[in-house]
PDB file of N, CA and C in Angstrom:
ATOM      1  N   UNK A   1       7.874 -15.221 -38.273  1.00  0.00           N
ATOM      2  CA  UNK A   1       8.435 -13.938 -37.910  1.00  0.00           C
ATOM      3  C   UNK A   1       8.252 -13.214 -36.669  1.00  0.00           C
ATOM      4  N   UNK A   2       9.320 -12.768 -36.059  1.00  0.00           N
ATOM      5  CA  UNK A   2       9.393 -12.154 -34.699  1.00  0.00           C
ATOM      6  C   UNK A   2       8.679 -11.061 -34.717  1.00  0.00           C
ATOM      7  N   UNK A   3       7.871 -10.786 -33.187  1.00  0.00           N
ATOM      8  CA  UNK A   3       7.303  -9.747 -33.015  1.00  0.00           C
ATOM      9  C   UNK A   3       8.116  -8.209 -33.281  1.00  0.00           C
ATOM     10  N   UNK A   4       8.186  -7.130 -32.742  1.00  0.00           N
ATOM     11  CA  UNK A   4       9.136  -5.768 -32.645  1.00  0.00           C
ATOM     12  C   UNK A   4       9.789  -6.148 -31.623  1.00  0.00           C
ATOM     13  N   UNK A   5       9.042  -6.506 -30.721  1.00  0.00           N
ATOM     14  CA  UNK A   5       9.743  -6.460 -29.158  1.00  0.00           C
ATOM     15  C   UNK A   5      10.878  -7.675 -29.115  1.00  0.00           C
ATOM     16  N   UNK A   6      10.490  -8.688 -29.931  1.00  0.00           N
ATOM     17  CA  UNK A   6      11.549  -9.602 -29.935  1.00  0.00           C
ATOM     18  C   UNK A   6      12.576  -9.602 -30.514  1.00  0.00           C
ATOM     19  N   UNK A   7      12.379  -8.848 -31.750  1.00  0.00           N
ATOM     20  CA  UNK A   7      13.519  -8.266 -32.666  1.00  0.00           C
ATOM     21  C   UNK A   7      14.526  -7.750 -31.678  1.00  0.00           C
ATOM     22  N   UNK A   8      13.841  -6.304 -31.012  1.00  0.00           N
ATOM     23  CA  UNK A   8      15.002  -5.646 -30.563  1.00  0.00           C
ATOM     24  C   UNK A   8      15.435  -6.390 -29.432  1.00  0.00           C
ATOM     25  N   UNK A   9      15.046  -7.235 -28.921  1.00  0.00           N
ATOM     26  CA  UNK A   9      15.202  -7.916 -27.499  1.00  0.00           C
ATOM     27  C   UNK A   9      16.680  -8.871 -28.219  1.00  0.00           C
ATOM     28  N   UNK A  10      16.884  -9.293 -29.296  1.00  0.00           N
ATOM     29  CA  UNK A  10      17.556 -10.209 -29.998  1.00  0.00           C
ATOM     30  C   UNK A  10      18.739  -9.401 -30.274  1.00  0.00           C
ATOM     31  N   UNK A  11      18.674  -7.844 -30.598  1.00  0.00           N
ATOM     32  CA  UNK A  11      19.819  -7.100 -31.020  1.00  0.00           C
ATOM     33  C   UNK A  11      20.170  -6.298 -29.842  1.00  0.00           C
ATOM     34  N   UNK A  12      19.972  -6.822 -28.645  1.00  0.00           N
ATOM     35  CA  UNK A  12      20.402  -6.014 -27.526  1.00  0.00           C
ATOM     36  C   UNK A  12      22.293  -5.969 -27.267  1.00  0.00           C
ATOM     37  N   UNK A  13      22.900  -6.998 -27.505  1.00  0.00           N
ATOM     38  CA  UNK A  13      24.110  -7.237 -27.914  1.00  0.00           C
ATOM     39  C   UNK A  13      24.783  -6.117 -28.556  1.00  0.00           C
ATOM     40  N   UNK A  14      24.101  -5.957 -29.636  1.00  0.00           N
ATOM     41  CA  UNK A  14      24.765  -5.106 -30.854  1.00  0.00           C
ATOM     42  C   UNK A  14      24.335  -3.796 -30.286  1.00  0.00           C
ATOM     43  N   UNK A  15      23.231  -3.370 -29.411  1.00  0.00           N
ATOM     44  CA  UNK A  15      22.791  -2.127 -29.175  1.00  0.00           C
ATOM     45  C   UNK A  15      22.831  -1.933 -27.548  1.00  0.00           C
ATOM     46  N   UNK A  16      23.545  -0.803 -26.717  1.00  0.00           N
ATOM     47  CA  UNK A  16      23.998  -1.156 -25.447  1.00  0.00           C
ATOM     48  C   UNK A  16      22.095  -0.287 -24.973  1.00  0.00           C
ATOM     49  N   UNK A  17      21.581   0.653 -25.808  1.00  0.00           N
ATOM     50  CA  UNK A  17      20.217   1.162 -25.411  1.00  0.00           C
ATOM     51  C   UNK A  17      19.120   0.201 -25.830  1.00  0.00           C
ATOM     52  N   UNK A  18      19.442  -1.052 -25.866  1.00  0.00           N
ATOM     53  CA  UNK A  18      18.295  -2.217 -26.164  1.00  0.00           C
ATOM     54  C   UNK A  18      17.090  -1.954 -25.256  1.00  0.00           C
ATOM     55  N   UNK A  19      17.023  -1.923 -23.951  1.00  0.00           N
ATOM     56  CA  UNK A  19      16.098  -1.910 -23.294  1.00  0.00           C
ATOM     57  C   UNK A  19      15.388  -0.489 -23.421  1.00  0.00           C
ATOM     58  N   UNK A  20      15.649   0.387 -23.309  1.00  0.00           N
ATOM     59  CA  UNK A  20      15.160   1.635 -23.612  1.00  0.00           C
ATOM     60  C   UNK A  20      14.107   1.032 -25.274  1.00  0.00           C
ATOM     61  N   UNK A  21      14.689   0.650 -26.063  1.00  0.00           N
ATOM     62  CA  UNK A  21      13.945   0.339 -27.482  1.00  0.00           C
ATOM     63  C   UNK A  21      12.830  -0.475 -27.086  1.00  0.00           C
ATOM     64  N   UNK A  22      12.915  -1.473 -26.220  1.00  0.00           N
ATOM     65  CA  UNK A  22      12.175  -2.478 -26.255  1.00  0.00           C
ATOM     66  C   UNK A  22      10.766  -1.816 -25.632  1.00  0.00           C
ATOM     67  N   UNK A  23      11.186  -1.013 -24.530  1.00  0.00           N
ATOM     68  CA  UNK A  23      10.037  -0.422 -23.708  1.00  0.00           C
ATOM     69  C   UNK A  23       9.245   0.349 -24.628  1.00  0.00           C
ATOM     70  N   UNK A  24       9.843   1.043 -25.452  1.00  0.00           N
ATOM     71  CA  UNK A  24       9.046   2.145 -26.302  1.00  0.00           C
ATOM     72  C   UNK A  24       8.680   1.298 -27.142  1.00  0.00           C
ATOM     73  N   UNK A  25       8.916   0.345 -27.712  1.00  0.00           N
ATOM     74  CA  UNK A  25       7.899  -0.503 -28.680  1.00  0.00           C
ATOM     75  C   UNK A  25       6.625  -0.457 -28.816  1.00  0.00           C
ATOM     76  N   UNK A  26       5.518  -0.197 -29.964  1.00  0.00           N
ATOM     77  CA  UNK A  26       4.064  -0.187 -29.547  1.00  0.00           C
ATOM     78  C   UNK A  26       3.678  -1.422 -28.547  1.00  0.00           C
ATOM     79  N   UNK A  27       4.112  -2.612 -29.083  1.00  0.00           N
ATOM     80  CA  UNK A  27       3.502  -3.771 -28.430  1.00  0.00           C
ATOM     81  C   UNK A  27       4.012  -4.178 -26.845  1.00  0.00           C
ATOM     82  N   UNK A  28       4.866  -3.156 -26.514  1.00  0.00           N
ATOM     83  CA  UNK A  28       5.133  -3.399 -25.166  1.00  0.00           C
ATOM     84  C   UNK A  28       4.250  -2.723 -24.151  1.00  0.00           C
ATOM     85  N   UNK A  29       3.911  -3.660 -23.192  1.00  0.00           N
ATOM     86  CA  UNK A  29       2.649  -3.403 -22.093  1.00  0.00           C
ATOM     87  C   UNK A  29       3.779  -2.707 -20.434  1.00  0.00           C
ATOM     88  N   UNK A  30       3.971  -1.493 -20.581  1.00  0.00           N
ATOM     89  CA  UNK A  30       4.468  -1.097 -19.352  1.00  0.00           C
ATOM     90  C   UNK A  30       3.935  -1.166 -18.529  1.00  0.00           C
ATOM     91  N   UNK A  31       4.554  -1.825 -17.105  1.00  0.00           N
ATOM     92  CA  UNK A  31       3.841  -2.111 -15.629  1.00  0.00           C
ATOM     93  C   UNK A  31       3.102  -2.615 -15.624  1.00  0.00           C
ATOM     94  N   UNK A  32       2.752  -4.097 -16.655  1.00  0.00           N
ATOM     95  CA  UNK A  32       1.522  -5.216 -16.836  1.00  0.00           C
ATOM     96  C   UNK A  32       2.460  -6.239 -16.001  1.00  0.00           C
ATOM     97  N   UNK A  33       3.576  -6.671 -15.662  1.00  0.00           N
ATOM     98  CA  UNK A  33       4.242  -7.626 -15.034  1.00  0.00           C
ATOM     99  C   UNK A  33       3.972  -6.972 -13.342  1.00  0.00           C
ATOM    100  N   UNK A  34       4.424  -5.599 -13.039  1.00  0.00           N
ATOM    101  CA  UNK A  34       3.910  -5.152 -11.826  1.00  0.00           C
ATOM    102  C   UNK A  34       2.629  -5.280 -11.292  1.00  0.00           C
ATOM    103  N   UNK A  35       1.821  -4.854 -12.198  1.00  0.00           N
ATOM    104  CA  UNK A  35       0.654  -4.962 -11.837  1.00  0.00           C
ATOM    105  C   UNK A  35      -0.091  -6.265 -11.350  1.00  0.00           C
ATOM    106  N   UNK A  36       0.690  -7.642 -12.321  1.00  0.00           N
ATOM    107  CA  UNK A  36      -0.043  -8.937 -11.832  1.00  0.00           C
ATOM    108  C   UNK A  36       0.868  -9.541 -10.756  1.00  0.00           C
ATOM    109  N   UNK A  37       2.027  -8.777 -10.139  1.00  0.00           N
ATOM    110  CA  UNK A  37       2.662  -9.159  -9.132  1.00  0.00           C
ATOM    111  C   UNK A  37       1.639  -8.291  -7.983  1.00  0.00           C
ATOM    112  N   UNK A  38       1.403  -7.280  -7.885  1.00  0.00           N
ATOM    113  CA  UNK A  38       0.562  -6.596  -6.772  1.00  0.00           C
ATOM    114  C   UNK A  38      -0.832  -7.216  -6.574  1.00  0.00           C
ATOM    115  N   UNK A  39      -1.487  -7.757  -7.837  1.00  0.00           N
ATOM    116  CA  UNK A  39      -2.919  -8.266  -7.693  1.00  0.00           C
ATOM    117  C   UNK A  39      -2.240 -10.167  -6.913  1.00  0.00           C
ATOM    118  N   UNK A  40      -1.277 -10.286  -7.171  1.00  0.00           N
ATOM    119  CA  UNK A  40      -0.931 -11.638  -6.471  1.00  0.00           C
ATOM    120  C   UNK A  40      -0.104 -11.536  -5.131  1.00  0.00           C
ATOM    121  N   UNK A  41      -0.209 -10.214  -4.400  1.00  0.00           N
ATOM    122  CA  UNK A  41       0.410 -10.004  -3.483  1.00  0.00           C
ATOM    123  C   UNK A  41       2.055 -10.345  -3.119  1.00  0.00           C
ATOM    124  N   UNK A  42       2.554 -10.223  -4.221  1.00  0.00           N
ATOM    125  CA  UNK A  42       4.057 -10.325  -4.322  1.00  0.00           C
ATOM    126  C   UNK A  42       4.950  -9.409  -4.748  1.00  0.00           C
ATOM    127  N   UNK A  43       5.867  -9.427  -4.384  1.00  0.00           N
ATOM    128  CA  UNK A  43       7.308  -8.237  -5.080  1.00  0.00           C
ATOM    129  C   UNK A  43       7.273  -8.715  -6.679  1.00  0.00           C
ATOM    130  N   UNK A  44       7.802  -8.334  -7.428  1.00  0.00           N
ATOM    131  CA  UNK A  44       7.970  -8.594  -8.660  1.00  0.00           C
ATOM    132  C   UNK A  44       9.143  -9.140  -9.119  1.00  0.00           C
ATOM    133  N   UNK A  45       9.957  -9.237  -8.182  1.00  0.00           N
ATOM    134  CA  UNK A  45      11.394 -10.386  -8.041  1.00  0.00           C
ATOM    135  C   UNK A  45      10.496 -11.484  -7.804  1.00  0.00           C
ATOM    136  N   UNK A  46       9.341 -11.720  -7.041  1.00  0.00           N
ATOM    137  CA  UNK A  46       8.909 -13.122  -6.445  1.00  0.00           C
ATOM    138  C   UNK A  46       8.485 -13.476  -7.596  1.00  0.00           C
ATOM    139  N   UNK A  47       7.526 -12.730  -7.828  1.00  0.00           N
ATOM    140  CA  UNK A  47       6.249 -13.362  -8.986  1.00  0.00           C
ATOM    141  C   UNK A  47       7.763 -13.915 -10.284  1.00  0.00           C
ATOM    142  N   UNK A  48       8.487 -13.174 -10.408  1.00  0.00           N
ATOM    143  CA  UNK A  48       9.477 -13.528 -11.628  1.00  0.00           C
ATOM    144  C   UNK A  48      10.100 -14.872 -11.334  1.00  0.00           C
ATOM    145  N   UNK A  49      10.513 -14.888 -10.048  1.00  0.00           N
ATOM    146  CA  UNK A  49      11.130 -16.314  -9.488  1.00  0.00           C
ATOM    147  C   UNK A  49      10.287 -17.409  -9.759  1.00  0.00           C
ATOM    148  N   UNK A  50       9.168 -17.217  -9.586  1.00  0.00           N
ATOM    149  CA  UNK A  50       8.055 -17.785  -9.106  1.00  0.00           C
ATOM    150  C   UNK A  50       7.819 -18.493 -10.681  1.00  0.00           C
ATOM    151  N   UNK A  51       7.486 -17.337 -11.486  1.00  0.00           N
ATOM    152  CA  UNK A  51       7.031 -17.951 -12.850  1.00  0.00           C
ATOM    153  C   UNK A  51       8.458 -18.759 -13.859  1.00  0.00           C
ATOM    154  N   UNK A  52       9.589 -18.261 -13.583  1.00  0.00           N
ATOM    155  CA  UNK A  52      10.732 -18.921 -14.205  1.00  0.00           C
ATOM    156  C   UNK A  52      10.890 -20.477 -13.260  1.00  0.00           C
ATOM    157  N   UNK A  53      10.418 -20.711 -12.503  1.00  0.00           N
ATOM    158  CA  UNK A  53      10.580 -21.701 -11.437  1.00  0.00           C
ATOM    159  C   UNK A  53       9.637 -22.926 -11.950  1.00  0.00           C
ATOM    160  N   UNK A  54       8.091 -22.438 -12.293  1.00  0.00           N
ATOM    161  CA  UNK A  54       7.056 -22.955 -12.915  1.00  0.00           C
ATOM    162  C   UNK A  54       6.242 -22.878 -13.747  1.00  0.00           C
ATOM    163  N   UNK A  55       6.858 -22.596 -14.697  1.00  0.00           N
ATOM    164  CA  UNK A  55       6.716 -22.205 -16.287  1.00  0.00           C
ATOM    165  C   UNK A  55       5.102 -22.629 -16.567  1.00  0.00           C
ATOM    166  N   UNK A  56       4.890 -23.865 -16.829  1.00  0.00           N
ATOM    167  CA  UNK A  56       3.730 -24.616 -16.923  1.00  0.00           C
ATOM    168  C   UNK A  56       2.536 -23.918 -16.182  1.00  0.00           C
ATOM    169  N   UNK A  57       2.611 -23.093 -15.031  1.00  0.00           N
ATOM    170  CA  UNK A  57       1.402 -22.805 -14.406  1.00  0.00           C
ATOM    171  C   UNK A  57       1.305 -21.245 -15.054  1.00  0.00           C
ATOM    172  N   UNK A  58       1.663 -20.160 -15.893  1.00  0.00           N
ATOM    173  CA  UNK A  58       1.382 -19.136 -16.187  1.00  0.00           C
ATOM    174  C   UNK A  58       1.369 -19.509 -18.095  1.00  0.00           C
ATOM    175  N   UNK A  59       0.828 -18.122 -18.167  1.00  0.00           N
ATOM    176  CA  UNK A  59       0.698 -18.127 -19.787  1.00  0.00           C
ATOM    177  C   UNK A  59       1.930 -17.444 -20.351  1.00  0.00           C
ATOM    178  N   UNK A  60       1.794 -17.630 -21.698  1.00  0.00           N
ATOM    179  CA  UNK A  60       3.375 -17.382 -22.210  1.00  0.00           C
ATOM    180  C   UNK A  60       3.161 -16.047 -22.089  1.00  0.00           C
ATOM    181  N   UNK A  61       2.644 -15.213 -22.277  1.00  0.00           N
ATOM    182  CA  UNK A  61       2.673 -13.866 -22.303  1.00  0.00           C
ATOM    183  C   UNK A  61       3.720 -13.321 -20.476  1.00  0.00           C
ATOM    184  N   UNK A  62       2.972 -14.121 -19.598  1.00  0.00           N
ATOM    185  CA  UNK A  62       3.680 -13.712 -18.349  1.00  0.00           C
ATOM    186  C   UNK A  62       4.917 -14.281 -18.546  1.00  0.00           C
ATOM    187  N   UNK A  63       5.256 -15.706 -18.774  1.00  0.00           N
ATOM    188  CA  UNK A  63       6.533 -16.617 -18.962  1.00  0.00           C
ATOM    189  C   UNK A  63       7.667 -15.384 -19.887  1.00  0.00           C
ATOM    190  N   UNK A  64       7.383 -14.827 -20.729  1.00  0.00           N
ATOM    191  CA  UNK A  64       8.062 -13.612 -21.581  1.00  0.00           C
ATOM    192  C   UNK A  64       8.221 -12.664 -20.449  1.00  0.00           C
ATOM    193  N   UNK A  65       7.265 -12.046 -19.676  1.00  0.00           N
ATOM    194  CA  UNK A  65       7.521 -11.316 -19.032  1.00  0.00           C
ATOM    195  C   UNK A  65       8.651 -10.910 -17.826  1.00  0.00           C
ATOM    196  N   UNK A  66       8.374 -12.435 -17.701  1.00  0.00           N
ATOM    197  CA  UNK A  66       9.299 -12.972 -16.164  1.00  0.00           C
ATOM    198  C   UNK A  66      10.955 -12.929 -16.843  1.00  0.00           C
ATOM    199  N   UNK A  67      10.711 -13.544 -18.285  1.00  0.00           N
ATOM    200  CA  UNK A  67      12.124 -13.643 -18.525  1.00  0.00           C
ATOM    201  C   UNK A  67      12.755 -12.463 -19.007  1.00  0.00           C
ATOM    202  N   UNK A  68      11.945 -11.516 -19.409  1.00  0.00           N
ATOM    203  CA  UNK A  68      12.381  -9.889 -19.841  1.00  0.00           C
ATOM    204  C   UNK A  68      12.923  -9.065 -18.426  1.00  0.00           C
ATOM    205  N   UNK A  69      12.081  -9.278 -17.196  1.00  0.00           N
ATOM    206  CA  UNK A  69      12.910  -8.952 -16.235  1.00  0.00           C
ATOM    207  C   UNK A  69      13.956  -9.673 -15.628  1.00  0.00           C
ATOM    208  N   UNK A  70      14.131 -10.562 -15.913  1.00  0.00           N
ATOM    209  CA  UNK A  70      15.209 -11.394 -15.486  1.00  0.00           C
ATOM    210  C   UNK A  70      16.490 -10.808 -16.151  1.00  0.00           C
ATOM    211  N   UNK A  71      16.186 -10.734 -17.668  1.00  0.00           N
ATOM    212  CA  UNK A  71      17.250  -9.846 -18.478  1.00  0.00           C
ATOM    213  C   UNK A  71      17.711  -8.638 -18.276  1.00  0.00           C
ATOM    214  N   UNK A  72      16.711  -7.702 -18.012  1.00  0.00           N
ATOM    215  CA  UNK A  72      17.240  -6.578 -17.591  1.00  0.00           C
ATOM    216  C   UNK A  72      17.930  -6.211 -16.063  1.00  0.00           C
ATOM    217  N   UNK A  73      17.513  -7.342 -15.302  1.00  0.00           N
ATOM    218  CA  UNK A  73      17.992  -7.443 -13.782  1.00  0.00           C
ATOM    219  C   UNK A  73      19.602  -7.870 -13.969  1.00  0.00           C
ATOM    220  N   UNK A  74      19.752  -8.772 -14.721  1.00  0.00           N
ATOM    221  CA  UNK A  74      21.171  -8.956 -14.876  1.00  0.00           C
ATOM    222  C   UNK A  74      22.079  -7.843 -15.462  1.00  0.00           C
ATOM    223  N   UNK A  75      21.812  -7.127 -16.288  1.00  0.00           N
ATOM    224  CA  UNK A  75      22.732  -5.852 -16.866  1.00  0.00           C
ATOM    225  C   UNK A  75      23.258  -5.285 -15.545  1.00  0.00           C
TER     226      UNK A  75
END
């Protein structure tokens, strides 16, 4: 069974406000990816690219956060 966040992400093509709904979901850790980037002394976009290019070096959570960043940046 998919989490609340994943269900909302899958429905984004149906709902134009999907980003807002995902961000407001109870399981969403707002600002977590940005904090990770700051700790790594990188810009958020650079960390996103690093994670997507080398997914085996990062946790599942970080990979999902990077993919989410990629998805919201292409809209």
